C-alpha atoms as a PDB file:
ATOM      1  CA  MET A   1      84.164 155.556 182.733  1.00  0.00           C
ATOM      2  CA  SER A   2      86.633 153.182 182.956  1.00  0.00           C
ATOM      3  CA  PHE A   3      87.959 151.256 179.602  1.00  0.00           C
ATOM      4  CA  ASP A   4      90.268 148.361 181.711  1.00  0.00           C
ATOM      5  CA  ARG A   5      87.163 146.618 183.386  1.00  0.00           C
ATOM      6  CA  PHE A   6      86.729 144.328 180.775  1.00  0.00           C
ATOM      7  CA  ASP A   7      89.011 141.311 180.502  1.00  0.00           C
ATOM      8  CA  ASP A   8      89.129 141.387 176.673  1.00  0.00           C
ATOM      9  CA  PRO A   9      92.079 141.701 174.168  1.00  0.00           C
ATOM     10  CA  PRO A  10      92.145 145.453 173.024  1.00  0.00           C
ATOM     11  CA  LEU A  11      91.369 146.331 169.093  1.00  0.00           C
ATOM     12  CA  GLY A  12      93.909 144.363 167.028  1.00  0.00           C
ATOM     13  CA  PHE A  13      93.448 140.991 168.656  1.00  0.00           C
ATOM     14  CA  THR A  14      89.600 140.223 168.287  1.00  0.00           C
ATOM     15  CA  ALA A  15      89.944 137.721 165.409  1.00  0.00           C
ATOM     16  CA  VAL A  16      91.866 134.279 165.193  1.00  0.00           C
ATOM     17  CA  ARG A  17      93.473 134.313 161.798  1.00  0.00           C
ATOM     18  CA  PRO A  18      94.985 131.288 160.073  1.00  0.00           C
ATOM     19  CA  SER A  19      98.253 130.694 159.339  1.00  0.00           C
ATOM     20  CA  TRP A  20      99.781 130.488 155.953  1.00  0.00           C
ATOM     21  CA  ASP A  21     100.528 126.710 156.558  1.00  0.00           C
ATOM     22  CA  ASP A  22      96.860 126.671 157.248  1.00  0.00           C
ATOM     23  CA  LEU A  23      95.845 127.443 154.247  1.00  0.00           C
ATOM     24  CA  PRO A  24      95.411 124.910 151.385  1.00  0.00           C
ATOM     25  CA  GLY A  25      98.151 124.137 149.400  1.00  0.00           C
ATOM     26  CA  GLU A  26      96.131 125.226 145.945  1.00  0.00           C
ATOM     27  CA  LEU A  27      95.639 128.525 147.665  1.00  0.00           C
ATOM     28  CA  ARG A  28      98.892 128.763 148.368  1.00  0.00           C
ATOM     29  CA  ASP A  29     100.743 127.459 145.323  1.00  0.00           C
ATOM     30  CA  PHE A  30      98.318 129.745 143.350  1.00  0.00           C
ATOM     31  CA  VAL A  31      99.268 132.968 145.153  1.00  0.00           C
ATOM     32  CA  THR A  32     103.277 131.859 144.502  1.00  0.00           C
ATOM     33  CA  THR A  33     102.788 131.841 141.023  1.00  0.00           C
ATOM     34  CA  LEU A  34     100.711 134.979 140.705  1.00  0.00           C
ATOM     35  CA  VAL A  35     103.282 136.969 142.361  1.00  0.00           C
ATOM     36  CA  GLY A  36     106.226 135.171 140.351  1.00  0.00           C
ATOM     37  CA  SER A  37     108.249 134.758 143.040  1.00  0.00           C
ATOM     38  CA  ALA A  38     109.110 132.463 145.820  1.00  0.00           C
ATOM     39  CA  ILE A  39     107.708 133.537 149.364  1.00  0.00           C
ATOM     40  CA  VAL A  40     110.823 133.760 151.571  1.00  0.00           C
ATOM     41  CA  GLY A  41     108.991 134.974 154.617  1.00  0.00           C
ATOM     42  CA  VAL A  42     105.650 135.229 155.987  1.00  0.00           C
ATOM     43  CA  ASP A  43     104.232 137.600 158.494  1.00  0.00           C
ATOM     44  CA  VAL A  44     100.779 136.894 159.665  1.00  0.00           C
ATOM     45  CA  GLN A  45      98.719 140.258 160.872  1.00  0.00           C
ATOM     46  CA  SER A  46      96.661 139.768 164.255  1.00  0.00           C
ATOM     47  CA  GLY A  47      94.280 142.625 163.874  1.00  0.00           C
ATOM     48  CA  GLY A  48      90.768 143.019 162.635  1.00  0.00           C
ATOM     49  CA  PHE A  49      87.632 141.520 162.869  1.00  0.00           C
ATOM     50  CA  THR A  50      87.591 138.996 160.060  1.00  0.00           C
ATOM     51  CA  PRO A  51      88.997 135.584 160.467  1.00  0.00           C
ATOM     52  CA  GLY A  52      90.056 135.724 157.099  1.00  0.00           C
ATOM     53  CA  VAL A  53      94.292 135.333 156.346  1.00  0.00           C
ATOM     54  CA  ALA A  54      96.117 139.099 156.514  1.00  0.00           C
ATOM     55  CA  ALA A  55      99.817 138.520 156.011  1.00  0.00           C
ATOM     56  CA  ARG A  56     102.836 140.456 154.735  1.00  0.00           C
ATOM     57  CA  LEU A  57     104.970 137.828 152.551  1.00  0.00           C
ATOM     58  CA  GLY A  58     108.348 138.561 151.878  1.00  0.00           C
ATOM     59  CA  LEU A  59     109.255 137.527 148.244  1.00  0.00           C
ATOM     60  CA  ALA A  60     113.064 137.421 146.729  1.00  0.00           C
ATOM     61  CA  ASP A  61     112.915 141.373 145.753  1.00  0.00           C
ATOM     62  CA  ASP A  62     109.774 142.567 146.998  1.00  0.00           C
ATOM     63  CA  ARG A  63     107.225 142.284 149.847  1.00  0.00           C
ATOM     64  CA  VAL A  64     102.993 142.009 149.248  1.00  0.00           C
ATOM     65  CA  PHE A  65     100.358 142.257 151.620  1.00  0.00           C
ATOM     66  CA  ILE A  66      97.479 139.428 150.908  1.00  0.00           C
ATOM     67  CA  LYS A  67      94.181 139.116 152.255  1.00  0.00           C
ATOM     68  CA  ALA A  68      91.865 136.395 151.520  1.00  0.00           C
ATOM     69  CA  ILE A  69      88.604 134.542 152.738  1.00  0.00           C
ATOM     70  CA  PRO A  70      86.800 131.589 151.607  1.00  0.00           C
ATOM     71  CA  ASP A  71      84.441 132.688 148.834  1.00  0.00           C
ATOM     72  CA  ASP A  72      81.469 131.042 150.404  1.00  0.00           C
ATOM     73  CA  HIS A  73      82.047 132.779 153.923  1.00  0.00           C
ATOM     74  CA  VAL A  74      79.354 135.437 155.177  1.00  0.00           C
ATOM     75  CA  LEU A  75      81.940 138.068 155.082  1.00  0.00           C
ATOM     76  CA  ALA A  76      83.144 137.493 151.648  1.00  0.00           C
ATOM     77  CA  ALA A  77      80.931 140.181 150.085  1.00  0.00           C
ATOM     78  CA  LYS A  78      83.101 142.363 152.445  1.00  0.00           C
ATOM     79  CA  TYR A  79      86.230 141.274 150.681  1.00  0.00           C
ATOM     80  CA  ARG A  80      84.481 141.851 147.378  1.00  0.00           C
ATOM     81  CA  THR A  81      83.322 145.324 148.278  1.00  0.00           C
ATOM     82  CA  GLU A  82      86.980 146.167 149.298  1.00  0.00           C
ATOM     83  CA  ALA A  83      88.738 145.228 146.350  1.00  0.00           C
ATOM     84  CA  GLU A  84      86.193 147.100 144.253  1.00  0.00           C
ATOM     85  CA  THR A  85      87.096 150.499 146.212  1.00  0.00           C
ATOM     86  CA  ALA A  86      90.603 150.130 146.508  1.00  0.00           C
ATOM     87  CA  GLY A  87      90.736 149.729 142.745  1.00  0.00           C
ATOM     88  CA  ARG A  88      89.141 152.438 141.791  1.00  0.00           C
ATOM     89  CA  LEU A  89      90.767 155.082 144.626  1.00  0.00           C
ATOM     90  CA  PRO A  90      92.521 157.686 142.461  1.00  0.00           C
ATOM     91  CA  ILE A  91      96.510 158.295 142.508  1.00  0.00           C
ATOM     92  CA  GLY A  92      97.519 159.845 145.433  1.00  0.00           C
ATOM     93  CA  ALA A  93      95.154 158.581 147.899  1.00  0.00           C
ATOM     94  CA  PRO A  94      96.335 157.803 151.193  1.00  0.00           C
ATOM     95  CA  SER A  95      95.649 154.038 151.038  1.00  0.00           C
ATOM     96  CA  PRO A  96      97.928 150.927 149.426  1.00  0.00           C
ATOM     97  CA  ARG A  97      97.857 150.050 145.745  1.00  0.00           C
ATOM     98  CA  LEU A  98      95.582 147.147 144.955  1.00  0.00           C
ATOM     99  CA  ARG A  99      97.803 144.933 142.510  1.00  0.00           C
ATOM    100  CA  TRP A 100      95.243 142.127 142.091  1.00  0.00           C
ATOM    101  CA  HIS A 101      91.900 140.551 143.258  1.00  0.00           C
ATOM    102  CA  GLY A 102      90.062 137.678 142.273  1.00  0.00           C
ATOM    103  CA  THR A 103      88.960 134.308 143.167  1.00  0.00           C
ATOM    104  CA  ALA A 104      90.941 131.102 143.007  1.00  0.00           C
ATOM    105  CA  ALA A 105      90.948 127.532 144.794  1.00  0.00           C
ATOM    106  CA  GLY A 106      87.436 128.793 146.091  1.00  0.00           C
ATOM    107  CA  TRP A 107      89.199 131.912 148.047  1.00  0.00           C
ATOM    108  CA  VAL A 108      88.744 135.401 147.657  1.00  0.00           C
ATOM    109  CA  ILE A 109      92.142 136.754 147.327  1.00  0.00           C
ATOM    110  CA  LEU A 110      93.119 140.423 147.383  1.00  0.00           C
ATOM    111  CA  ILE A 111      96.811 141.481 146.990  1.00  0.00           C
ATOM    112  CA  PHE A 112      98.307 145.107 148.063  1.00  0.00           C
ATOM    113  CA  ASP A 113     101.524 146.730 148.090  1.00  0.00           C
ATOM    114  CA  ASP A 114     102.961 146.128 151.220  1.00  0.00           C
ATOM    115  CA  VAL A 115     103.056 148.862 153.649  1.00  0.00           C
ATOM    116  CA  ASP A 116     106.072 149.292 156.026  1.00  0.00           C
ATOM    117  CA  GLY A 117     104.159 150.531 158.972  1.00  0.00           C
ATOM    118  CA  ARG A 118     102.630 150.122 162.457  1.00  0.00           C
ATOM    119  CA  HIS A 119      99.254 151.180 163.744  1.00  0.00           C
ATOM    120  CA  PRO A 120      98.883 154.703 165.513  1.00  0.00           C
ATOM    121  CA  ASP A 121      99.146 155.306 168.997  1.00  0.00           C
ATOM    122  CA  LEU A 122      96.415 157.303 169.910  1.00  0.00           C
ATOM    123  CA  THR A 123      97.232 158.118 173.887  1.00  0.00           C
ATOM    124  CA  PRO A 124      97.397 161.864 174.919  1.00  0.00           C
ATOM    125  CA  GLY A 125     100.226 163.664 173.874  1.00  0.00           C
ATOM    126  CA  SER A 126     101.066 161.165 171.068  1.00  0.00           C
ATOM    127  CA  PRO A 127     102.525 162.905 167.796  1.00  0.00           C
ATOM    128  CA  ASP A 128     100.176 160.607 165.928  1.00  0.00           C
ATOM    129  CA  VAL A 129      96.991 161.885 167.121  1.00  0.00           C
ATOM    130  CA  SER A 130      97.584 165.139 164.357  1.00  0.00           C
ATOM    131  CA  ILE A 131      99.305 162.884 161.896  1.00  0.00           C
ATOM    132  CA  VAL A 132      96.193 161.014 161.818  1.00  0.00           C
ATOM    133  CA  THR A 133      93.600 163.802 162.071  1.00  0.00           C
ATOM    134  CA  SER A 134      95.615 165.802 159.303  1.00  0.00           C
ATOM    135  CA  ALA A 135      95.452 162.695 157.078  1.00  0.00           C
ATOM    136  CA  LEU A 136      92.148 161.910 157.428  1.00  0.00           C
ATOM    137  CA  SER A 137      91.069 165.825 156.743  1.00  0.00           C
ATOM    138  CA  GLY A 138      93.231 165.371 153.526  1.00  0.00           C
ATOM    139  CA  MET A 139      91.573 162.703 152.460  1.00  0.00           C
ATOM    140  CA  ALA A 140      88.055 164.177 152.517  1.00  0.00           C
ATOM    141  CA  ALA A 141      89.341 166.775 150.609  1.00  0.00           C
ATOM    142  CA  LEU A 142      90.941 164.328 147.569  1.00  0.00           C
ATOM    143  CA  LEU A 143      87.837 162.585 147.415  1.00  0.00           C
ATOM    144  CA  THR A 144      85.425 165.531 147.016  1.00  0.00           C
ATOM    145  CA  PRO A 145      83.938 165.057 144.809  1.00  0.00           C
ATOM    146  CA  SER A 146      83.647 160.701 145.383  1.00  0.00           C
ATOM    147  CA  PRO A 147      85.984 159.322 142.694  1.00  0.00           C
ATOM    148  CA  ILE A 148      83.309 156.325 143.011  1.00  0.00           C
ATOM    149  CA  PRO A 149      80.056 157.728 142.158  1.00  0.00           C
ATOM    150  CA  ASP A 150      77.757 154.591 142.486  1.00  0.00           C
ATOM    151  CA  LEU A 151      77.973 154.082 145.835  1.00  0.00           C
ATOM    152  CA  PRO A 152      75.200 154.215 148.215  1.00  0.00           C
ATOM    153  CA  LEU A 153      74.371 157.369 149.997  1.00  0.00           C
ATOM    154  CA  ALA A 154      75.391 157.606 154.086  1.00  0.00           C
ATOM    155  CA  SER A 155      71.774 157.849 155.552  1.00  0.00           C
ATOM    156  CA  THR A 156      70.763 154.893 153.828  1.00  0.00           C
ATOM    157  CA  GLY A 157      74.311 152.976 153.676  1.00  0.00           C
ATOM    158  CA  ARG A 158      75.024 153.530 157.478  1.00  0.00           C
ATOM    159  CA  ILE A 159      71.495 153.698 159.116  1.00  0.00           C
ATOM    160  CA  HIS A 160      71.255 149.904 159.378  1.00  0.00           C
ATOM    161  CA  GLN A 161      74.607 149.657 161.115  1.00  0.00           C
ATOM    162  CA  LEU A 162      74.522 152.799 163.239  1.00  0.00           C
ATOM    163  CA  ARG A 163      71.661 152.484 165.691  1.00  0.00           C
ATOM    164  CA  GLY A 164      70.743 150.551 168.675  1.00  0.00           C
ATOM    165  CA  TRP A 165      69.052 152.019 171.663  1.00  0.00           C
ATOM    166  CA  GLY A 166      65.814 151.876 169.041  1.00  0.00           C
ATOM    167  CA  ASP A 167      65.791 148.200 168.823  1.00  0.00           C
ATOM    168  CA  LEU A 168      67.139 147.911 172.877  1.00  0.00           C
ATOM    169  CA  ALA A 169      63.836 149.932 173.846  1.00  0.00           C
ATOM    170  CA  LEU A 170      61.645 146.978 172.609  1.00  0.00           C
ATOM    171  CA  SER A 171      63.116 144.723 175.246  1.00  0.00           C
ATOM    172  CA  PRO A 172      65.654 146.635 177.416  1.00  0.00           C
ATOM    173  CA  PRO A 173      68.349 143.880 178.917  1.00  0.00           C
ATOM    174  CA  GLU A 174      68.456 143.345 182.479  1.00  0.00           C
ATOM    175  CA  ASP A 175      71.983 144.711 182.534  1.00  0.00           C
ATOM    176  CA  LEU A 176      71.544 147.768 180.977  1.00  0.00           C
ATOM    177  CA  GLY A 177      73.399 150.510 182.990  1.00  0.00           C
ATOM    178  CA  GLY A 178      71.408 152.848 184.999  1.00  0.00           C
ATOM    179  CA  TRP A 179      72.130 155.538 183.017  1.00  0.00           C
ATOM    180  CA  GLU A 180      71.298 154.089 179.795  1.00  0.00           C
ATOM    181  CA  ARG A 181      67.975 152.706 181.036  1.00  0.00           C
ATOM    182  CA  LEU A 182      66.976 156.342 182.632  1.00  0.00           C
ATOM    183  CA  HIS A 183      67.425 157.921 179.264  1.00  0.00           C
ATOM    184  CA  LEU A 184      66.789 154.879 176.726  1.00  0.00           C
ATOM    185  CA  GLN A 185      63.706 156.709 174.678  1.00  0.00           C
ATOM    186  CA  ALA A 186      65.383 159.761 174.329  1.00  0.00           C
ATOM    187  CA  LEU A 187      68.412 157.921 173.201  1.00  0.00           C
ATOM    188  CA  ALA A 188      66.473 155.799 170.801  1.00  0.00           C
ATOM    189  CA  ASP A 189      64.598 159.249 169.676  1.00  0.00           C
ATOM    190  CA  LEU A 190      68.130 160.862 169.229  1.00  0.00           C
ATOM    191  CA  GLU A 191      70.162 158.449 167.336  1.00  0.00           C
ATOM    192  CA  THR A 192      68.874 158.451 164.134  1.00  0.00           C
ATOM    193  CA  ARG A 193      69.010 162.400 163.726  1.00  0.00           C
ATOM    194  CA  TRP A 194      72.596 162.556 162.329  1.00  0.00           C
ATOM    195  CA  THR A 195      71.343 160.867 159.088  1.00  0.00           C
ATOM    196  CA  ARG A 196      69.442 164.125 158.163  1.00  0.00           C
ATOM    197  CA  ASP A 197      73.043 165.735 157.727  1.00  0.00           C
ATOM    198  CA  ALA A 198      75.042 162.581 156.419  1.00  0.00           C
ATOM    199  CA  ASP A 199      74.715 162.545 152.828  1.00  0.00           C
ATOM    200  CA  GLY A 200      77.275 164.417 150.558  1.00  0.00           C
ATOM    201  CA  THR A 201      79.694 164.024 147.807  1.00  0.00           C
ATOM    202  CA  THR A 202      82.650 162.661 149.400  1.00  0.00           C
ATOM    203  CA  LEU A 203      83.779 159.069 149.271  1.00  0.00           C
ATOM    204  CA  VAL A 204      83.645 157.863 153.083  1.00  0.00           C
ATOM    205  CA  HIS A 205      85.612 155.254 154.292  1.00  0.00           C
ATOM    206  CA  GLY A 206      83.192 154.503 156.886  1.00  0.00           C
ATOM    207  CA  ASP A 207      84.987 152.252 159.195  1.00  0.00           C
ATOM    208  CA  ILE A 208      87.583 154.287 160.669  1.00  0.00           C
ATOM    209  CA  ARG A 209      89.602 153.055 163.667  1.00  0.00           C
ATOM    210  CA  PRO A 210      93.296 152.618 165.183  1.00  0.00           C
ATOM    211  CA  ASP A 211      93.611 149.086 163.206  1.00  0.00           C
ATOM    212  CA  ASN A 212      92.483 150.454 159.770  1.00  0.00           C
ATOM    213  CA  LEU A 213      95.184 152.731 159.977  1.00  0.00           C
ATOM    214  CA  LEU A 214      99.211 152.980 159.549  1.00  0.00           C
ATOM    215  CA  ILE A 215     101.896 155.124 160.274  1.00  0.00           C
ATOM    216  CA  THR A 216     104.585 154.475 157.525  1.00  0.00           C
ATOM    217  CA  ALA A 217     108.123 153.925 158.826  1.00  0.00           C
ATOM    218  CA  THR A 218     109.513 156.039 156.386  1.00  0.00           C
ATOM    219  CA  ASP A 219     108.232 159.355 156.589  1.00  0.00           C
ATOM    220  CA  ALA A 220     105.611 159.119 159.372  1.00  0.00           C
ATOM    221  CA  THR A 221     102.287 159.865 157.190  1.00  0.00           C
ATOM    222  CA  ALA A 222      98.796 157.883 157.947  1.00  0.00           C
ATOM    223  CA  ILE A 223      97.844 155.338 155.481  1.00  0.00           C
ATOM    224  CA  VAL A 224      94.144 154.028 155.459  1.00  0.00           C
ATOM    225  CA  VAL A 225      93.182 150.585 154.616  1.00  0.00           C
ATOM    226  CA  ASP A 226      90.492 148.069 154.339  1.00  0.00           C
ATOM    227  CA  TRP A 227      87.839 149.984 152.270  1.00  0.00           C
ATOM    228  CA  ALA A 228      84.943 147.632 152.842  1.00  0.00           C
ATOM    229  CA  GLN A 229      82.175 150.040 154.185  1.00  0.00           C
ATOM    230  CA  PRO A 230      82.456 152.895 151.544  1.00  0.00           C
ATOM    231  CA  CYS A 231      79.491 155.041 150.857  1.00  0.00           C
ATOM    232  CA  ARG A 232      78.914 158.711 149.459  1.00  0.00           C
ATOM    233  CA  GLY A 233      78.416 161.286 152.314  1.00  0.00           C
ATOM    234  CA  ALA A 234      79.317 164.072 154.253  1.00  0.00           C
ATOM    235  CA  SER A 235      82.915 164.488 155.062  1.00  0.00           C
ATOM    236  CA  TRP A 236      82.675 165.109 158.688  1.00  0.00           C
ATOM    237  CA  GLN A 237      81.819 161.256 159.163  1.00  0.00           C
ATOM    238  CA  ASP A 238      85.555 159.526 158.751  1.00  0.00           C
ATOM    239  CA  ILE A 239      87.383 162.158 161.063  1.00  0.00           C
ATOM    240  CA  THR A 240      84.429 162.216 163.615  1.00  0.00           C
ATOM    241  CA  ASP A 241      84.365 158.465 163.730  1.00  0.00           C
ATOM    242  CA  LEU A 242      88.355 158.788 165.724  1.00  0.00           C
ATOM    243  CA  VAL A 243      86.322 160.347 168.795  1.00  0.00           C
ATOM    244  CA  PRO A 244      85.189 157.001 170.605  1.00  0.00           C
ATOM    245  CA  HIS A 245      88.560 155.599 170.197  1.00  0.00           C
ATOM    246  CA  LEU A 246      90.726 158.746 171.118  1.00  0.00           C
ATOM    247  CA  ILE A 247      88.230 158.090 174.337  1.00  0.00           C
ATOM    248  CA  MET A 248      89.217 154.858 174.385  1.00  0.00           C
ATOM    249  CA  ALA A 249      93.114 155.492 174.313  1.00  0.00           C
ATOM    250  CA  GLY A 250      92.425 157.875 177.247  1.00  0.00           C
ATOM    251  CA  HIS A 251      91.542 160.889 176.175  1.00  0.00           C
ATOM    252  CA  SER A 252      88.515 162.746 178.170  1.00  0.00           C
ATOM    253  CA  ALA A 253      85.707 163.195 175.712  1.00  0.00           C
ATOM    254  CA  GLU A 254      86.112 167.176 175.727  1.00  0.00           C
ATOM    255  CA  ALA A 255      90.038 166.618 174.876  1.00  0.00           C
ATOM    256  CA  ALA A 256      89.039 163.793 172.010  1.00  0.00           C
ATOM    257  CA  GLU A 257      86.824 166.395 169.976  1.00  0.00           C
ATOM    258  CA  LYS A 258      89.497 169.063 170.554  1.00  0.00           C
ATOM    259  CA  ALA A 259      92.091 167.138 168.836  1.00  0.00           C
ATOM    260  CA  LEU A 260      90.013 167.765 165.788  1.00  0.00           C
ATOM    261  CA  THR A 261      88.870 171.299 166.463  1.00  0.00           C
ATOM    262  CA  GLY A 262      90.156 173.352 163.131  1.00  0.00           C
ATOM    263  CA  HIS A 263      89.911 170.415 160.749  1.00  0.00           C
ATOM    264  CA  PRO A 264      87.593 171.408 157.799  1.00  0.00           C
ATOM    265  CA  SER A 265      85.611 168.041 157.829  1.00  0.00           C
ATOM    266  CA  TRP A 266      85.293 168.312 161.746  1.00  0.00           C
ATOM    267  CA  ASP A 267      83.930 172.310 161.953  1.00  0.00           C
ATOM    268  CA  LEU A 268      81.639 171.646 159.005  1.00  0.00           C
ATOM    269  CA  ALA A 269      79.135 169.329 161.379  1.00  0.00           C
ATOM    270  CA  THR A 270      76.717 171.094 163.552  1.00  0.00           C
ATOM    271  CA  PRO A 271      76.956 170.126 167.248  1.00  0.00           C
ATOM    272  CA  GLU A 272      73.321 168.569 167.105  1.00  0.00           C
ATOM    273  CA  VAL A 273      74.612 166.261 164.368  1.00  0.00           C
ATOM    274  CA  ILE A 274      77.664 165.560 166.449  1.00  0.00           C
ATOM    275  CA  THR A 275      75.646 164.990 169.576  1.00  0.00           C
ATOM    276  CA  SER A 276      73.165 162.554 167.930  1.00  0.00           C
ATOM    277  CA  TYR A 277      75.922 160.321 165.796  1.00  0.00           C
ATOM    278  CA  ALA A 278      77.899 160.067 169.405  1.00  0.00           C
ATOM    279  CA  ALA A 279      74.501 158.337 170.521  1.00  0.00           C
ATOM    280  CA  ALA A 280      74.169 156.233 167.170  1.00  0.00           C
ATOM    281  CA  PHE A 281      77.759 154.618 167.643  1.00  0.00           C
ATOM    282  CA  ALA A 282      76.744 154.366 171.794  1.00  0.00           C
ATOM    283  CA  GLY A 283      73.520 152.374 170.753  1.00  0.00           C
ATOM    284  CA  TYR A 284      75.220 150.272 168.014  1.00  0.00           C
ATOM    285  CA  TRP A 285      77.893 149.002 170.288  1.00  0.00           C
ATOM    286  CA  THR A 286      75.741 148.511 173.000  1.00  0.00           C
ATOM    287  CA  ARG A 287      73.309 146.356 171.189  1.00  0.00           C
ATOM    288  CA  MET A 288      75.897 144.438 169.112  1.00  0.00           C
ATOM    289  CA  SER A 289      78.525 143.656 172.168  1.00  0.00           C
ATOM    290  CA  ARG A 290      74.950 141.389 173.399  1.00  0.00           C
ATOM    291  CA  GLN A 291      74.890 139.005 170.306  1.00  0.00           C
ATOM    292  CA  PRO A 292      76.702 135.988 170.089  1.00  0.00           C
ATOM    293  CA  ALA A 293      80.516 135.935 168.428  1.00  0.00           C
ATOM    294  CA  PRO A 294      80.803 135.308 165.278  1.00  0.00           C
ATOM    295  CA  PRO A 295      82.418 132.536 164.400  1.00  0.00           C
ATOM    296  CA  GLY A 296      86.475 132.715 164.222  1.00  0.00           C
ATOM    297  CA  VAL A 297      86.419 136.406 166.122  1.00  0.00           C
ATOM    298  CA  PRO A 298      85.936 135.409 170.131  1.00  0.00           C
ATOM    299  CA  HIS A 299      86.614 138.648 171.457  1.00  0.00           C
ATOM    300  CA  LEU A 300      84.824 140.990 169.385  1.00  0.00           C
ATOM    301  CA  ARG A 301      82.136 141.516 171.715  1.00  0.00           C
ATOM    302  CA  GLY A 302      84.397 142.124 174.265  1.00  0.00           C
ATOM    303  CA  TYR A 303      85.965 144.817 172.419  1.00  0.00           C
ATOM    304  CA  GLN A 304      82.542 146.322 171.766  1.00  0.00           C
ATOM    305  CA  ARG A 305      81.296 146.619 175.281  1.00  0.00           C
ATOM    306  CA  ARG A 306      84.741 149.063 175.692  1.00  0.00           C
ATOM    307  CA  ALA A 307      83.753 151.010 172.918  1.00  0.00           C
ATOM    308  CA  ALA A 308      80.212 150.953 174.200  1.00  0.00           C
ATOM    309  CA  ALA A 309      81.511 152.220 177.257  1.00  0.00           C
ATOM    310  CA  ALA A 310      83.464 155.164 175.704  1.00  0.00           C
ATOM    311  CA  ALA A 311      80.766 155.926 173.227  1.00  0.00           C
ATOM    312  CA  ILE A 312      78.370 156.524 176.122  1.00  0.00           C
ATOM    313  CA  ALA A 313      80.809 158.397 177.910  1.00  0.00           C
ATOM    314  CA  TRP A 314      81.049 160.886 174.590  1.00  0.00           C
ATOM    315  CA  THR A 315      77.278 160.980 174.570  1.00  0.00           C
ATOM    316  CA  MET A 316      76.935 162.031 178.364  1.00  0.00           C
ATOM    317  CA  TYR A 317      79.327 164.837 177.923  1.00  0.00           C
ATOM    318  CA  ARG A 318      77.510 166.137 174.802  1.00  0.00           C
ATOM    319  CA  THR A 319      73.824 165.695 175.969  1.00  0.00           C
ATOM    320  CA  ASN A 320      74.452 166.536 179.918  1.00  0.00           C
ATOM    321  CA  TRP A 321      71.769 164.460 180.864  1.00  0.00           C
END
């Protein structure tokens, strides 16, 4: 199955983010006072799915990373969740330290230590693949038991997101692919079975994808960012989330799974659970790619069509239907 047939930007170019100069002067003045230094350089980041500002700020003798969004935006709650989670991560977690968060000038603001790094290259043969898989496996061990015990369980917190075939079966879209249409009811039955083995004691990130990962320039280690969708669950989930992204990067479904083999968190999941999880991702992206584009994120649905194609290929491989 091809992933270059959609004429849309890849992940990392889905949202249209404001520049630093586009922000209200009151907000810029507040941040300047907060960091205690003149801002001598701004590097706006283009990745992600939200239209809030994301920028690396160069200071006189330091750098910080800022995220901000209007506090009345529909996604502002995600920023607050990220701040609450990041602020409670233990020392040693592969994530940048949260320096400050709060609301000012009508914006929700998060300020982190800056990470000098790049998003991973997940193409076949890239050394970044093993760096990322090892980091996620190590993170699962470090975050078990969860340092944040009051999070929702994965079976209830993620099921509202990772689904789609059941909804599509109620009114199948005219453009639904032939394989999906033929197996629509079976896919609807399959996509929720993973929740039976989803709960556990690990802090699960819940949104592992390339633009939420950084490879550091100093020591080539993997850093995980954007903790906006955390839950408590079984440790296999975060590393398994890599599979469709590996397929989009050029791996076959078989090769993508082979890249995870031997990592304890991946090996914990039963084949039946992985198959259901693949179907759930395929259903989620197939459903969401047909929704109107959210404000400020014009390329999201095109990306989700590519992601759906990858997850469908993964599901076809696992079911052999």
